[in-house]
Every structure is written in C-alpha cells, then in structure tokens.
N, C-alpha and C. Protein backbone atom coordinates (compact mmCIF):
# COMPACT_ATOMS: atom_id res chain seq x y z
N UNK A 1 -98.31 14.95 -70.16
CA UNK A 1 -99.22 15.75 -70.25
C UNK A 1 -100.09 15.49 -71.49
N UNK A 2 -101.56 15.51 -71.20
CA UNK A 2 -102.38 14.73 -71.97
C UNK A 2 -103.17 15.79 -73.12
N UNK A 3 -103.16 15.34 -74.16
CA UNK A 3 -104.01 15.75 -75.36
C UNK A 3 -104.44 17.17 -75.63
N UNK A 4 -104.78 17.87 -74.63
CA UNK A 4 -105.93 18.80 -75.20
C UNK A 4 -105.21 20.11 -75.70
N UNK A 5 -104.09 20.43 -75.37
CA UNK A 5 -103.51 21.55 -76.25
C UNK A 5 -103.79 21.52 -77.71
N UNK A 6 -103.52 20.13 -78.11
CA UNK A 6 -103.89 19.81 -79.47
C UNK A 6 -105.35 19.78 -79.79
N UNK A 7 -106.05 19.45 -78.68
CA UNK A 7 -107.59 19.26 -79.17
C UNK A 7 -108.18 20.21 -79.71
N UNK A 8 -108.31 21.46 -79.05
CA UNK A 8 -109.07 22.59 -79.57
C UNK A 8 -108.59 22.71 -81.16
N UNK A 9 -107.15 23.01 -81.23
CA UNK A 9 -106.62 22.93 -82.46
C UNK A 9 -106.99 22.09 -83.59
N UNK A 10 -106.83 20.88 -83.40
CA UNK A 10 -106.98 19.77 -84.36
C UNK A 10 -108.36 19.88 -84.67
N UNK A 11 -109.33 20.21 -83.84
CA UNK A 11 -110.75 20.37 -84.31
C UNK A 11 -110.87 21.64 -85.06
N UNK A 12 -110.16 22.37 -84.90
CA UNK A 12 -110.40 23.73 -85.46
C UNK A 12 -109.99 24.07 -86.90
N UNK A 13 -108.81 23.30 -86.96
CA UNK A 13 -108.23 23.28 -88.42
C UNK A 13 -107.53 22.10 -89.00
N UNK A 14 -107.22 21.16 -88.37
CA UNK A 14 -106.83 20.00 -88.90
C UNK A 14 -105.56 19.53 -88.57
N UNK A 15 -104.97 20.04 -87.52
CA UNK A 15 -103.56 19.46 -87.05
C UNK A 15 -103.57 19.96 -85.45
N UNK A 16 -103.35 19.47 -84.59
CA UNK A 16 -103.27 20.44 -83.18
C UNK A 16 -101.64 20.73 -82.87
N UNK A 17 -101.05 21.23 -83.70
CA UNK A 17 -99.79 21.81 -83.53
C UNK A 17 -100.02 23.07 -84.30
N UNK A 18 -103.10 25.80 -78.41
CA UNK A 18 -103.82 26.52 -77.46
C UNK A 18 -104.74 27.42 -79.21
N UNK A 19 -105.14 25.03 -83.91
CA UNK A 19 -106.27 25.40 -84.91
C UNK A 19 -105.95 25.86 -86.04
N UNK A 20 -106.28 25.73 -87.20
CA UNK A 20 -105.54 26.21 -88.19
C UNK A 20 -104.13 25.72 -88.41
N UNK A 21 -103.61 25.24 -87.24
CA UNK A 21 -102.35 24.42 -87.24
C UNK A 21 -102.34 23.84 -85.76
N UNK A 22 -103.58 23.88 -85.02
CA UNK A 22 -103.41 22.96 -83.88
C UNK A 22 -102.94 23.60 -82.53
N UNK A 23 -102.33 22.74 -81.90
CA UNK A 23 -101.70 23.21 -80.40
C UNK A 23 -100.45 22.35 -80.54
N UNK A 24 -99.61 22.38 -79.29
CA UNK A 24 -98.56 21.47 -79.16
C UNK A 24 -99.05 20.02 -78.91
N UNK A 25 -98.25 19.54 -78.70
CA UNK A 25 -98.08 18.18 -78.25
C UNK A 25 -98.72 17.04 -77.79
N UNK A 26 -99.00 16.01 -77.49
CA UNK A 26 -100.06 15.17 -77.11
C UNK A 26 -99.52 14.31 -76.26
N UNK A 27 -98.50 13.92 -75.83
CA UNK A 27 -97.88 13.51 -74.54
C UNK A 27 -97.80 14.74 -73.77
N UNK A 28 -98.27 15.77 -74.37
CA UNK A 28 -98.29 16.85 -73.80
C UNK A 28 -99.89 17.38 -73.72
N UNK A 29 -100.53 16.10 -73.29
CA UNK A 29 -101.85 16.22 -73.30
C UNK A 29 -102.53 17.39 -72.77
N UNK A 30 -102.68 18.36 -73.56
CA UNK A 30 -103.24 19.63 -73.03
C UNK A 30 -104.40 19.93 -73.82
N UNK A 31 -105.17 21.03 -73.75
CA UNK A 31 -106.17 21.23 -74.51
C UNK A 31 -106.00 22.90 -75.20
N UNK A 32 -105.67 23.04 -76.17
CA UNK A 32 -105.42 24.45 -76.56
C UNK A 32 -106.44 25.30 -76.41
N UNK A 33 -105.99 24.55 -76.26
CA UNK A 33 -107.05 25.53 -76.79
C UNK A 33 -106.73 26.54 -76.94
N UNK A 34 -107.76 30.65 -75.91
CA UNK A 34 -106.95 31.54 -76.27
C UNK A 34 -108.32 31.26 -76.58
N UNK A 35 -111.18 42.61 -81.19
CA UNK A 35 -112.19 42.21 -81.37
C UNK A 35 -112.80 42.63 -79.89
N UNK A 36 -112.58 43.44 -79.53
CA UNK A 36 -113.18 44.06 -78.48
C UNK A 36 -114.50 44.12 -78.98
N UNK A 37 -114.64 44.50 -80.24
CA UNK A 37 -116.14 44.73 -80.66
C UNK A 37 -116.68 43.22 -81.14
N UNK A 38 -117.83 42.74 -80.22
CA UNK A 38 -117.77 41.52 -80.26
C UNK A 38 -119.33 40.86 -80.18
N UNK A 39 -119.55 40.04 -81.26
CA UNK A 39 -120.97 39.53 -81.39
C UNK A 39 -121.20 38.15 -80.39
N UNK A 40 -122.07 38.03 -79.50
CA UNK A 40 -122.20 37.16 -78.83
C UNK A 40 -123.72 36.52 -78.81
N UNK A 41 -123.86 35.14 -78.99
CA UNK A 41 -125.07 34.62 -79.03
C UNK A 41 -125.69 34.26 -77.40
N UNK A 42 -126.89 34.75 -77.30
CA UNK A 42 -127.53 34.69 -76.00
C UNK A 42 -128.90 33.68 -76.48
N UNK A 43 -128.96 32.90 -75.26
CA UNK A 43 -130.13 32.01 -75.27
C UNK A 43 -131.13 32.29 -74.21
N UNK A 44 -132.40 32.38 -74.56
CA UNK A 44 -133.50 32.67 -73.48
C UNK A 44 -134.47 31.79 -73.54
N UNK A 45 -135.22 31.62 -72.47
CA UNK A 45 -136.35 30.42 -72.57
C UNK A 45 -137.80 31.47 -72.81
N UNK A 46 -138.44 30.91 -73.44
CA UNK A 46 -139.56 31.79 -73.80
C UNK A 46 -140.87 30.54 -73.77
N UNK A 47 -141.89 30.47 -72.95
CA UNK A 47 -142.98 29.55 -72.81
C UNK A 47 -142.11 28.10 -73.01
N UNK A 48 -141.14 27.87 -72.41
CA UNK A 48 -140.66 26.31 -72.33
C UNK A 48 -139.86 26.25 -73.75
N UNK A 49 -139.79 27.09 -74.61
CA UNK A 49 -138.89 26.88 -75.81
C UNK A 49 -137.73 27.68 -75.58
N UNK A 50 -136.65 27.38 -76.19
CA UNK A 50 -135.44 28.27 -76.38
C UNK A 50 -135.32 28.90 -77.46
N UNK A 51 -135.26 30.18 -77.27
CA UNK A 51 -135.25 31.17 -78.58
C UNK A 51 -133.92 31.68 -78.42
N UNK A 52 -133.22 31.91 -79.56
CA UNK A 52 -132.03 32.56 -79.84
C UNK A 52 -132.16 33.86 -80.18
N UNK A 53 -131.34 34.80 -79.52
CA UNK A 53 -131.25 36.25 -79.82
C UNK A 53 -129.83 36.82 -79.95
N UNK A 54 -129.75 37.48 -80.85
CA UNK A 54 -128.22 38.11 -80.73
C UNK A 54 -128.16 39.47 -80.10
N UNK A 55 -127.07 39.57 -79.33
CA UNK A 55 -126.83 40.96 -78.94
C UNK A 55 -125.31 41.32 -78.99
N UNK A 56 -125.18 42.53 -79.47
CA UNK A 56 -123.73 43.09 -80.07
C UNK A 56 -123.51 43.53 -78.54
N UNK A 57 -122.30 43.03 -78.13
CA UNK A 57 -121.73 43.48 -76.89
C UNK A 57 -120.24 44.23 -77.15
N UNK A 58 -120.02 45.41 -76.57
CA UNK A 58 -119.00 46.07 -77.05
C UNK A 58 -117.94 45.97 -75.87
N UNK A 59 -116.62 45.66 -76.06
CA UNK A 59 -115.61 45.53 -75.01
C UNK A 59 -116.03 44.54 -74.12
N UNK A 60 -116.47 43.25 -74.41
CA UNK A 60 -116.96 42.48 -73.58
C UNK A 60 -115.75 41.24 -72.87
N UNK A 61 -114.58 41.33 -73.64
CA UNK A 61 -113.72 40.32 -73.42
C UNK A 61 -112.94 40.95 -72.01
N UNK A 62 -112.74 39.97 -71.07
CA UNK A 62 -112.12 40.17 -69.89
C UNK A 62 -113.06 40.81 -68.82
N UNK A 63 -114.34 41.11 -69.26
CA UNK A 63 -115.37 41.70 -68.36
C UNK A 63 -116.37 40.54 -68.11
N UNK A 64 -117.45 40.73 -67.28
CA UNK A 64 -118.47 39.90 -66.94
C UNK A 64 -119.58 40.12 -67.72
N UNK A 65 -120.12 39.21 -68.48
CA UNK A 65 -121.24 39.09 -69.25
C UNK A 65 -122.26 38.60 -68.82
N UNK A 66 -123.53 39.18 -68.65
CA UNK A 66 -124.66 38.53 -67.95
C UNK A 66 -124.46 38.20 -66.42
N UNK A 67 -123.27 38.87 -66.03
CA UNK A 67 -122.90 38.62 -64.64
C UNK A 67 -122.60 37.27 -64.25
N UNK A 68 -122.33 36.35 -65.29
CA UNK A 68 -121.83 35.16 -64.88
C UNK A 68 -120.80 34.64 -65.76
N UNK A 69 -120.58 35.32 -67.06
CA UNK A 69 -119.57 34.63 -68.07
C UNK A 69 -118.44 35.69 -67.93
N UNK A 70 -117.26 35.32 -67.90
CA UNK A 70 -115.94 35.76 -68.15
C UNK A 70 -115.17 35.40 -69.29
N UNK A 71 -114.77 36.02 -70.11
CA UNK A 71 -113.88 35.71 -71.24
C UNK A 71 -112.52 36.60 -71.16
N UNK A 72 -111.54 36.01 -70.69
CA UNK A 72 -110.18 36.78 -70.79
C UNK A 72 -109.79 37.30 -72.24
N UNK A 73 -109.11 38.60 -72.32
CA UNK A 73 -108.85 39.16 -73.53
C UNK A 73 -107.56 38.08 -74.08
N UNK A 74 -107.61 38.41 -75.35
CA UNK A 74 -106.42 37.57 -76.04
C UNK A 74 -105.23 38.29 -75.70
N UNK A 75 -104.12 37.44 -75.79
CA UNK A 75 -102.80 37.98 -75.60
C UNK A 75 -101.83 37.67 -76.70
N UNK A 76 -101.11 38.49 -77.28
CA UNK A 76 -100.32 38.15 -78.38
C UNK A 76 -98.71 37.88 -78.12
N UNK A 77 -98.26 38.16 -76.66
CA UNK A 77 -96.97 38.26 -76.58
C UNK A 77 -96.23 36.98 -76.77
N UNK A 78 -96.72 35.90 -76.50
CA UNK A 78 -95.95 34.71 -76.66
C UNK A 78 -95.76 34.36 -78.22
N UNK A 79 -96.87 34.53 -78.97
CA UNK A 79 -96.31 34.54 -80.54
C UNK A 79 -95.69 35.49 -81.09
N UNK A 80 -95.62 36.67 -80.55
CA UNK A 80 -94.77 37.79 -81.09
C UNK A 80 -93.34 37.45 -80.62
N UNK A 81 -93.16 37.07 -79.30
CA UNK A 81 -91.66 36.56 -78.83
C UNK A 81 -91.10 35.51 -79.92
N UNK A 82 -92.05 34.45 -80.02
CA UNK A 82 -91.65 33.35 -80.91
C UNK A 82 -91.16 33.62 -82.26
N UNK A 83 -92.06 34.73 -82.87
CA UNK A 83 -91.88 35.02 -84.34
C UNK A 83 -90.59 36.03 -84.46
N UNK A 84 -90.38 36.66 -83.17
CA UNK A 84 -89.24 37.54 -83.10
C UNK A 84 -87.84 36.49 -82.92
N UNK A 85 -88.02 35.62 -82.25
CA UNK A 85 -86.70 34.92 -82.21
C UNK A 85 -86.76 33.95 -83.52
N UNK A 86 -87.71 33.47 -84.29
CA UNK A 86 -87.67 32.94 -85.43
C UNK A 86 -86.63 33.77 -86.64
N UNK A 87 -87.18 35.02 -86.54
CA UNK A 87 -86.55 36.13 -87.26
C UNK A 87 -84.98 36.55 -86.88
N UNK A 88 -84.65 36.19 -85.55
CA UNK A 88 -83.39 36.08 -85.25
C UNK A 88 -82.50 35.07 -85.72
N UNK A 89 -83.25 34.07 -85.80
CA UNK A 89 -82.31 32.86 -86.14
C UNK A 89 -82.26 32.87 -87.68
N UNK A 90 -83.12 33.45 -88.49
CA UNK A 90 -83.02 33.63 -89.81
C UNK A 90 -81.91 34.58 -89.92
N UNK A 91 -81.79 35.68 -89.28
CA UNK A 91 -80.73 36.77 -89.44
C UNK A 91 -79.37 35.97 -89.43
N UNK A 92 -79.37 35.07 -88.32
CA UNK A 92 -77.85 34.31 -88.38
C UNK A 92 -77.93 33.09 -89.18
N UNK A 93 -78.78 33.03 -90.05
CA UNK A 93 -78.77 31.73 -90.97
C UNK A 93 -78.92 30.47 -90.40
N UNK A 94 -79.73 30.55 -89.29
CA UNK A 94 -79.88 29.15 -88.73
C UNK A 94 -81.33 28.66 -88.87
N UNK A 95 -81.59 28.17 -90.20
CA UNK A 95 -83.15 27.85 -90.60
C UNK A 95 -83.75 26.72 -89.81
N UNK A 96 -82.68 25.68 -89.35
CA UNK A 96 -82.99 24.70 -88.69
C UNK A 96 -83.87 25.05 -87.32
N UNK A 97 -83.42 26.13 -86.89
CA UNK A 97 -84.36 26.48 -85.53
C UNK A 97 -85.23 27.35 -86.10
N UNK A 98 -85.03 28.44 -87.05
CA UNK A 98 -86.08 29.46 -87.42
C UNK A 98 -87.23 28.77 -87.93
N UNK A 99 -87.29 27.75 -88.65
CA UNK A 99 -88.39 26.99 -89.18
C UNK A 99 -89.66 26.64 -88.12
N UNK A 100 -89.01 25.73 -87.22
CA UNK A 100 -90.14 25.39 -86.18
C UNK A 100 -90.70 26.38 -85.35
N UNK A 101 -89.84 27.14 -84.95
CA UNK A 101 -90.16 28.22 -83.92
C UNK A 101 -91.04 29.35 -84.69
N UNK A 102 -90.86 29.66 -85.75
CA UNK A 102 -91.58 30.65 -86.75
C UNK A 102 -92.75 30.00 -87.10
N UNK A 103 -92.87 28.66 -87.20
CA UNK A 103 -94.31 27.87 -87.35
C UNK A 103 -95.39 27.89 -86.11
N UNK A 104 -94.43 27.60 -84.92
CA UNK A 104 -95.29 27.45 -83.90
C UNK A 104 -95.50 28.97 -83.37
N UNK A 105 -94.97 30.03 -83.59
CA UNK A 105 -95.29 31.25 -83.34
C UNK A 105 -96.42 31.80 -84.13
N UNK A 106 -96.45 31.41 -85.33
CA UNK A 106 -97.76 31.64 -86.35
C UNK A 106 -98.88 30.98 -86.01
N UNK A 107 -98.64 29.54 -85.54
CA UNK A 107 -99.87 29.04 -85.08
C UNK A 107 -100.51 29.38 -83.71
N UNK A 108 -99.76 29.97 -82.91
CA UNK A 108 -100.05 30.54 -81.63
C UNK A 108 -100.79 31.81 -82.00
N UNK A 109 -100.47 32.62 -82.88
CA UNK A 109 -100.94 33.97 -83.26
C UNK A 109 -102.24 33.62 -83.87
N UNK A 110 -102.60 32.55 -84.67
CA UNK A 110 -103.68 32.38 -85.26
C UNK A 110 -104.79 32.02 -84.06
N UNK A 111 -104.34 31.12 -83.15
CA UNK A 111 -104.95 30.44 -82.18
C UNK A 111 -105.45 31.78 -81.19
N UNK A 112 -104.54 32.80 -81.08
CA UNK A 112 -104.87 33.81 -80.19
C UNK A 112 -106.05 34.67 -80.73
N UNK A 113 -106.18 34.74 -81.95
CA UNK A 113 -107.18 35.40 -82.46
C UNK A 113 -108.47 34.70 -82.62
N UNK A 114 -108.65 33.47 -82.56
CA UNK A 114 -109.84 32.63 -82.49
C UNK A 114 -110.24 31.87 -81.47
N UNK A 115 -109.29 31.20 -80.61
CA UNK A 115 -109.70 30.43 -79.55
C UNK A 115 -109.98 31.38 -78.24
N UNK A 116 -111.10 31.08 -77.73
CA UNK A 116 -111.44 31.80 -76.53
C UNK A 116 -111.94 30.91 -75.09
N UNK A 117 -111.29 31.21 -73.97
CA UNK A 117 -111.78 30.38 -72.83
C UNK A 117 -113.05 31.02 -72.44
N UNK A 118 -113.99 30.32 -72.28
CA UNK A 118 -115.26 31.03 -71.79
C UNK A 118 -115.69 30.26 -70.28
N UNK A 119 -115.54 31.31 -69.32
CA UNK A 119 -115.80 30.91 -67.82
C UNK A 119 -117.42 31.31 -67.54
N UNK A 120 -118.27 30.26 -67.64
CA UNK A 120 -119.42 30.68 -67.20
C UNK A 120 -119.84 30.28 -65.77
N UNK A 121 -120.95 30.14 -65.45
CA UNK A 121 -121.27 30.09 -63.99
C UNK A 121 -120.89 28.82 -63.34
N UNK A 122 -120.87 27.55 -64.35
CA UNK A 122 -120.46 26.15 -63.77
C UNK A 122 -119.39 25.60 -64.40
N UNK A 123 -118.69 26.06 -65.43
CA UNK A 123 -117.61 25.38 -66.13
C UNK A 123 -116.53 26.17 -66.98
N UNK A 124 -115.55 25.78 -67.28
CA UNK A 124 -114.77 26.39 -68.06
C UNK A 124 -115.18 25.57 -69.73
N UNK A 125 -115.17 26.40 -70.63
CA UNK A 125 -115.40 25.80 -71.98
C UNK A 125 -114.53 26.36 -73.04
N UNK A 126 -114.06 25.67 -73.88
CA UNK A 126 -113.16 26.19 -75.00
C UNK A 126 -114.17 26.68 -76.24
N UNK A 127 -114.16 27.77 -76.68
CA UNK A 127 -115.04 28.34 -77.85
C UNK A 127 -114.13 28.62 -78.98
N UNK A 128 -114.65 28.94 -80.04
CA UNK A 128 -114.05 29.36 -81.28
C UNK A 128 -114.84 30.75 -82.00
N UNK A 129 -113.92 31.71 -82.10
CA UNK A 129 -114.27 32.76 -82.68
C UNK A 129 -115.02 33.78 -82.21
N UNK A 130 -115.60 34.91 -82.72
CA UNK A 130 -116.32 36.06 -82.09
C UNK A 130 -117.64 35.56 -81.95
N UNK A 131 -118.16 34.61 -82.53
CA UNK A 131 -119.56 33.68 -82.36
C UNK A 131 -119.59 33.01 -81.36
N UNK A 132 -118.50 32.61 -80.63
CA UNK A 132 -118.41 31.64 -79.55
C UNK A 132 -119.09 30.32 -80.13
N UNK A 133 -118.50 29.83 -81.25
CA UNK A 133 -119.00 28.49 -81.79
C UNK A 133 -118.40 27.46 -80.88
N UNK A 134 -119.11 26.39 -80.92
CA UNK A 134 -118.83 24.98 -80.18
C UNK A 134 -117.62 24.48 -80.75
N UNK A 135 -116.54 24.22 -80.05
CA UNK A 135 -115.38 23.74 -80.41
C UNK A 135 -115.54 22.17 -80.62
N UNK A 136 -116.54 21.56 -80.50
CA UNK A 136 -116.84 20.10 -80.60
C UNK A 136 -116.18 19.25 -79.60
N UNK A 137 -116.12 17.93 -80.04
CA UNK A 137 -115.47 17.00 -79.06
C UNK A 137 -114.01 16.97 -79.08
N UNK A 138 -113.43 16.63 -78.14
CA UNK A 138 -111.93 16.41 -77.83
C UNK A 138 -111.43 15.34 -78.60
N UNK A 139 -110.77 15.50 -79.63
CA UNK A 139 -110.22 14.69 -80.52
C UNK A 139 -109.25 13.54 -79.95
N UNK A 140 -108.66 13.86 -78.73
CA UNK A 140 -107.65 13.20 -78.01
C UNK A 140 -108.15 12.33 -76.90
N UNK A 141 -108.90 13.00 -76.06
CA UNK A 141 -109.32 12.29 -74.92
C UNK A 141 -110.92 12.09 -74.99
N UNK A 142 -111.47 12.67 -75.83
CA UNK A 142 -112.99 12.49 -75.94
C UNK A 142 -113.71 13.14 -75.04
N UNK A 143 -115.10 13.54 -75.25
CA UNK A 143 -115.83 14.41 -74.49
C UNK A 143 -115.80 15.89 -74.97
N UNK A 144 -116.57 16.53 -74.60
CA UNK A 144 -116.70 17.98 -74.79
C UNK A 144 -115.63 18.82 -74.28
N UNK A 145 -115.20 19.91 -75.04
CA UNK A 145 -114.07 20.80 -74.44
C UNK A 145 -114.93 21.79 -73.44
N UNK A 146 -115.39 21.16 -72.44
CA UNK A 146 -116.21 21.91 -71.33
C UNK A 146 -116.07 20.97 -69.95
N UNK A 147 -115.31 21.80 -69.04
CA UNK A 147 -115.12 21.12 -67.78
C UNK A 147 -115.58 21.86 -66.54
N UNK A 148 -116.47 21.15 -65.77
CA UNK A 148 -116.98 21.84 -64.70
C UNK A 148 -115.96 22.11 -63.55
N UNK A 149 -116.03 23.35 -62.84
CA UNK A 149 -115.20 23.64 -61.75
C UNK A 149 -114.99 22.51 -60.78
N UNK A 150 -116.19 21.94 -60.44
CA UNK A 150 -116.10 21.07 -59.15
C UNK A 150 -115.51 19.86 -59.46
N UNK A 151 -115.15 19.69 -60.91
CA UNK A 151 -114.15 18.26 -61.37
C UNK A 151 -112.46 18.91 -61.10
N UNK A 152 -112.39 20.22 -60.90
CA UNK A 152 -110.75 20.66 -60.88
C UNK A 152 -110.27 19.96 -59.76
N UNK A 153 -109.06 19.13 -60.04
CA UNK A 153 -108.19 18.55 -58.83
C UNK A 153 -107.33 19.72 -58.57
N UNK A 154 -106.72 20.27 -59.52
CA UNK A 154 -105.55 21.24 -59.17
C UNK A 154 -105.38 22.15 -60.35
N UNK A 155 -104.83 23.30 -60.35
CA UNK A 155 -104.61 23.99 -61.63
C UNK A 155 -103.07 24.63 -61.30
N UNK A 156 -102.49 25.27 -62.25
CA UNK A 156 -101.18 25.94 -61.92
C UNK A 156 -101.14 27.15 -63.29
N UNK A 157 -100.48 28.02 -62.99
CA UNK A 157 -100.07 29.20 -64.03
C UNK A 157 -98.79 29.28 -64.12
N UNK A 158 -98.10 28.98 -65.17
CA UNK A 158 -96.38 29.18 -65.13
C UNK A 158 -96.35 30.46 -66.13
N UNK A 159 -95.45 31.33 -65.72
CA UNK A 159 -95.46 31.94 -64.30
C UNK A 159 -96.03 32.94 -64.15
N UNK A 160 -96.58 33.29 -63.06
CA UNK A 160 -97.46 34.26 -62.90
C UNK A 160 -96.99 35.99 -63.51
N UNK A 161 -95.78 36.18 -63.32
CA UNK A 161 -95.31 37.43 -63.85
C UNK A 161 -95.42 37.58 -65.40
N UNK A 162 -95.01 36.22 -66.23
CA UNK A 162 -95.17 36.13 -67.39
C UNK A 162 -95.53 34.87 -67.93
N UNK A 163 -96.92 34.53 -67.84
CA UNK A 163 -97.47 33.33 -67.84
C UNK A 163 -97.31 32.72 -69.54
N UNK A 164 -96.92 31.50 -69.36
CA UNK A 164 -96.63 30.89 -70.69
C UNK A 164 -97.56 29.60 -70.75
N UNK A 165 -97.85 28.95 -69.75
CA UNK A 165 -98.61 27.68 -69.82
C UNK A 165 -99.70 27.84 -68.66
N UNK A 166 -100.99 27.52 -68.70
CA UNK A 166 -101.82 27.38 -67.65
C UNK A 166 -102.14 25.60 -67.67
N UNK A 167 -102.19 24.97 -66.49
CA UNK A 167 -102.40 23.65 -66.30
C UNK A 167 -103.45 23.37 -65.68
N UNK A 168 -104.25 22.44 -65.65
CA UNK A 168 -105.32 21.79 -64.88
C UNK A 168 -105.77 20.32 -65.05
N UNK A 169 -106.07 19.78 -64.01
CA UNK A 169 -106.26 18.13 -63.80
C UNK A 169 -107.83 18.20 -63.37
N UNK A 170 -108.60 17.53 -64.09
CA UNK A 170 -109.94 17.39 -63.92
C UNK A 170 -110.42 15.79 -63.86
N UNK A 171 -111.58 15.71 -63.12
CA UNK A 171 -111.86 14.05 -63.11
C UNK A 171 -113.28 14.01 -63.93
N UNK A 172 -113.32 14.99 -64.69
CA UNK A 172 -114.80 14.92 -65.56
C UNK A 172 -114.66 13.92 -66.70
N UNK A 173 -113.33 13.95 -67.27
CA UNK A 173 -113.02 13.36 -68.51
C UNK A 173 -112.71 11.61 -68.32
N UNK A 174 -112.06 11.70 -66.89
CA UNK A 174 -111.77 10.38 -66.62
C UNK A 174 -111.44 10.38 -65.17
N UNK A 175 -111.91 9.40 -64.33
CA UNK A 175 -112.18 9.28 -62.69
C UNK A 175 -110.73 9.43 -62.14
N UNK A 176 -109.70 8.84 -62.80
CA UNK A 176 -108.42 8.94 -62.22
C UNK A 176 -107.71 10.25 -62.35
N UNK A 177 -108.39 11.03 -63.45
CA UNK A 177 -107.79 12.56 -63.60
C UNK A 177 -107.36 12.68 -64.96
N UNK A 178 -107.76 13.75 -65.67
CA UNK A 178 -107.30 14.14 -66.95
C UNK A 178 -106.21 15.28 -67.04
N UNK A 179 -105.18 15.48 -67.39
CA UNK A 179 -104.54 16.57 -67.42
C UNK A 179 -104.56 17.51 -68.59
N UNK A 180 -104.52 18.51 -68.44
CA UNK A 180 -104.70 19.51 -69.62
C UNK A 180 -103.45 20.81 -69.74
N UNK A 181 -102.94 21.12 -70.67
CA UNK A 181 -102.00 22.23 -70.78
C UNK A 181 -102.59 22.93 -72.08
N UNK A 182 -102.58 24.35 -71.84
CA UNK A 182 -102.95 25.36 -72.64
C UNK A 182 -101.50 26.45 -72.76
N UNK A 183 -101.25 26.85 -73.99
CA UNK A 183 -100.40 27.90 -74.03
C UNK A 183 -101.21 29.06 -73.47
N UNK A 184 -100.68 30.00 -72.67
CA UNK A 184 -101.24 31.51 -72.41
C UNK A 184 -101.29 32.54 -73.23
N UNK A 185 -102.55 32.20 -74.32
CA UNK A 185 -102.67 33.35 -75.17
C UNK A 185 -104.03 34.20 -75.15
N UNK A 186 -103.98 34.26 -73.59
CA UNK A 186 -105.02 35.10 -72.98
C UNK A 186 -104.41 36.01 -72.17
N UNK A 187 -105.13 37.17 -71.75
CA UNK A 187 -104.31 37.94 -70.48
C UNK A 187 -104.26 37.51 -69.47
N UNK A 188 -103.06 37.19 -68.86
CA UNK A 188 -102.79 36.18 -67.83
C UNK A 188 -103.27 36.77 -66.66
N UNK A 189 -103.30 38.13 -66.33
CA UNK A 189 -104.06 38.39 -65.00
C UNK A 189 -105.60 38.04 -64.98
N UNK A 190 -106.34 38.42 -66.20
CA UNK A 190 -107.42 38.02 -66.07
C UNK A 190 -107.89 36.51 -65.87
N UNK A 191 -107.12 35.81 -66.65
CA UNK A 191 -107.15 34.26 -66.67
C UNK A 191 -106.95 33.91 -65.14
N UNK A 192 -105.65 34.41 -64.53
CA UNK A 192 -105.38 34.05 -63.21
C UNK A 192 -106.62 34.37 -62.07
N UNK A 193 -107.06 35.54 -62.14
CA UNK A 193 -108.19 35.97 -61.27
C UNK A 193 -109.58 35.36 -61.67
N UNK A 194 -109.82 34.84 -62.69
CA UNK A 194 -111.17 34.16 -62.79
C UNK A 194 -110.88 32.62 -62.44
N UNK A 195 -109.63 32.09 -62.30
CA UNK A 195 -109.19 30.78 -62.13
C UNK A 195 -109.27 30.52 -60.63
N UNK A 196 -108.89 31.59 -59.87
CA UNK A 196 -109.02 31.76 -58.49
C UNK A 196 -110.31 32.03 -57.99
N UNK A 197 -111.21 32.74 -58.84
CA UNK A 197 -112.59 32.71 -58.18
C UNK A 197 -113.34 31.59 -58.68
N UNK A 198 -113.06 30.95 -59.79
CA UNK A 198 -113.82 29.76 -59.74
C UNK A 198 -113.69 28.41 -59.37
N UNK A 199 -112.20 28.37 -59.39
CA UNK A 199 -111.51 27.03 -59.07
C UNK A 199 -111.00 27.02 -57.86
N UNK A 200 -110.94 28.13 -57.14
CA UNK A 200 -109.85 28.19 -55.88
C UNK A 200 -108.78 28.15 -55.98
N UNK A 201 -107.76 28.61 -54.97
CA UNK A 201 -106.45 28.79 -55.08
C UNK A 201 -105.64 27.49 -55.71
N UNK A 202 -104.65 27.83 -56.48
CA UNK A 202 -103.69 26.69 -56.94
C UNK A 202 -102.77 26.25 -55.87
N UNK A 203 -102.28 25.06 -56.08
CA UNK A 203 -101.50 24.37 -54.95
C UNK A 203 -100.39 25.19 -54.74
N UNK A 204 -99.59 25.59 -55.83
CA UNK A 204 -98.26 26.25 -55.88
C UNK A 204 -98.47 27.73 -56.05
N UNK A 205 -99.08 28.18 -57.05
CA UNK A 205 -98.99 29.48 -57.66
C UNK A 205 -99.71 30.45 -56.75
N UNK A 206 -100.64 30.14 -55.97
CA UNK A 206 -101.22 30.94 -54.93
C UNK A 206 -102.69 31.36 -55.53
N UNK A 207 -103.38 32.13 -54.84
CA UNK A 207 -102.83 32.97 -53.39
C UNK A 207 -102.99 31.97 -52.69
N UNK A 208 -101.99 32.04 -51.77
CA UNK A 208 -102.01 30.88 -50.57
C UNK A 208 -103.25 30.92 -49.41
N UNK A 209 -103.55 29.98 -49.01
CA UNK A 209 -104.65 29.85 -48.15
C UNK A 209 -104.08 30.26 -47.00
N UNK A 210 -104.74 31.01 -46.10
CA UNK A 210 -104.44 31.39 -44.82
C UNK A 210 -104.91 30.34 -43.68
C-alpha cells in the first residue's frame, strides 16, 4: 500500500504518522490525507487575468459549492474510538498498547480538523484547513495531491456501514498504477456518494452495475 496516507500529513506537519503527525504507513502507500462556518477562496477570470475574491460560505461541507465542488464533512468517530481504546488500556495499566493507539488517535483527530478531500469537476484533491490551502507535492510518490477521476482504476470503501479506510488506484502518478489509502476521517456516506458519482461504482463495495 503506497505512500500517501503519510503524504498529506508529512507535508502538513513533519511526519506522516489521513499532518502535525502525519498519517500511517508507507508500505501502506496511501495518501492521508479528511467549521461548518467556512471561508473559501474562489477564482474568477476578468479580462484575461485571474483575480482572487473571497466569499464566506456557510455550512458548505458535504454540499455542492459552485455546483461543481463537493467537500465531505469531517468525521471524528475513528479518532474518538482510538482515544477511548487508549484510555481503556491505561485503565488496565497496559501502557505499551495505550501509547501508540493514543498517539494514532490524536494524530487522526488533528487530521480530521484540517485535512479536506475536495472533489471538483475533474479531480479529487487533498487540501488543508478552512482556507483550502494547497497541500503541496506528495513527499513519497511525487506529484501533486490531486488525481483526475479519469485516471482511477478502482476504488473501495471499507466498510460501508462503519468506514475505516478508503482506497483507490490511479494511473496518473505512474502508468502501472499507484495505490492510495486514507483513513476515513470524513463523513462516510458523503464520501461514498461522491466517489460513486465522480468515479463510478467500485468493484466490490458497489453499487453493483446492473
């Protein structure tokens, strides 16, 4: 599993163990990449020049913006479960398990507050913060953290009832295909719906093609 779980994070904060602590893995080559009062930067063309204007958009997460962009809501369930499990291990005096699980939960909590999946008309892009700042180049596999839907070979959401990981494989980064894994620190239903809409049905998760 390749790189990018760590990718957004390592760029965002210095170690990729979906920014300020990174994301998991790297043979877990995934891309990590995850305030309803929201400031968004819009770009418009005026006489051939691009001018930047800011618009305050209320409650836009998980909704369509400019009829083209979808940003799933953040979801804190996985971080909360991990932090709760760490607390349980502390209670039974098992620090060896409590420390790594607690750190992972903390890191995913931070990620969920800052990392955004932005689905525009043509591509999925990882952005940072309420200002949707550029996440920069992928530190592990190179290239921008932006992938055109047309390059997607397959994607899956594990598991639809309580999603933990989202996976996709794309051929934009390298022709033979690049695999990405992200922890689901976004609203799972919104993420699933937009992936189906923009990328087509997944091979296993559905919806099944008739």
